Amino acid sequence: MVNEKRKTKTSSAVKNRYNEKAYDRINLVVHKGGKDRIKAAAEKTGESVNSLINRVVFEEVARIEGKN
């Protein structure tokens, strides 16, 4: 049992180190009910909430960049 906890902790630490190197993190704050709307839209399109937000944001960024 002790070894299982240690493996999980080590595995989490390794994943966290990788994530810190490979990804930027942005915290998103929405009004009450916004999270549920986003989650429902993601489910409707078969995406995760994260992938939906990324897709929508980067589509808009690409649109804005195209105007410059």
Protein backbone atom coordinates (compact mmCIF):
# COMPACT_ATOMS: atom_id res chain seq x y z
CA MET A 1 0.00 0.00 0.00
CA VAL A 2 2.82 2.42 0.82
CA ASN A 3 4.48 1.75 -2.56
CA GLU A 4 1.23 2.52 -4.39
CA LYS A 5 1.02 5.95 -2.78
CA ARG A 6 4.64 6.67 -3.58
CA LYS A 7 4.21 5.69 -7.24
CA THR A 8 1.17 7.94 -7.53
CA LYS A 9 2.99 10.86 -5.93
CA THR A 10 6.06 10.35 -8.11
CA SER A 11 3.94 9.98 -11.21
CA SER A 12 2.06 13.18 -10.38
CA ALA A 13 5.30 15.05 -9.76
CA VAL A 14 6.69 13.92 -13.12
CA LYS A 15 3.48 14.92 -14.92
CA ASN A 16 3.47 18.30 -13.18
CA ARG A 17 7.07 19.00 -14.19
CA TYR A 18 6.29 18.07 -17.81
CA ASN A 19 3.16 20.24 -17.84
CA GLU A 20 5.11 23.22 -16.48
CA LYS A 21 7.64 22.88 -19.31
CA ALA A 22 5.18 22.15 -22.13
CA TYR A 23 2.14 24.31 -21.41
CA ASP A 24 1.18 27.85 -20.46
CA ARG A 25 -1.70 28.15 -18.05
CA ILE A 26 -4.50 30.74 -18.22
CA ASN A 27 -7.20 30.93 -15.59
CA LEU A 28 -10.61 31.77 -16.99
CA VAL A 29 -13.28 33.43 -14.86
CA VAL A 30 -16.88 33.53 -16.12
CA HIS A 31 -20.14 34.72 -14.60
CA LYS A 32 -22.29 32.19 -12.74
CA GLY A 33 -23.85 29.80 -15.22
CA GLY A 34 -21.15 30.42 -17.83
CA LYS A 35 -19.30 27.25 -16.97
CA ASP A 36 -22.44 25.18 -17.47
CA ARG A 37 -23.08 26.83 -20.86
CA ILE A 38 -19.51 26.15 -21.99
CA LYS A 39 -19.67 22.56 -20.75
CA ALA A 40 -22.97 21.96 -22.58
CA ALA A 41 -21.55 23.42 -25.79
CA ALA A 42 -18.46 21.23 -25.48
CA GLU A 43 -20.58 18.11 -24.97
CA LYS A 44 -22.73 19.04 -27.96
CA THR A 45 -19.65 19.27 -30.20
CA GLY A 46 -18.00 16.18 -28.69
CA GLU A 47 -15.09 18.18 -27.29
CA SER A 48 -13.65 18.67 -23.85
CA VAL A 49 -14.17 22.07 -22.27
CA ASN A 50 -10.45 22.77 -22.66
CA SER A 51 -10.37 21.86 -26.36
CA LEU A 52 -13.49 23.94 -27.06
CA ILE A 53 -12.03 26.99 -25.34
CA ASN A 54 -8.69 26.55 -27.12
CA ARG A 55 -10.35 26.17 -30.51
CA VAL A 56 -12.62 29.18 -30.09
CA VAL A 57 -9.87 31.40 -28.71
CA PHE A 58 -7.35 30.48 -31.39
CA GLU A 59 -9.92 30.88 -34.18
CA GLU A 60 -10.53 34.41 -32.92
CA VAL A 61 -6.80 35.09 -32.54
CA ALA A 62 -6.24 33.93 -36.13
CA ARG A 63 -9.09 36.20 -37.30
CA ILE A 64 -7.61 39.17 -35.47
CA GLU A 65 -4.09 38.45 -36.71
CA GLY A 66 -5.44 38.32 -40.25
CA LYS A 67 -6.67 41.90 -39.92
CA ASN A 68 -3.21 43.24 -39.07
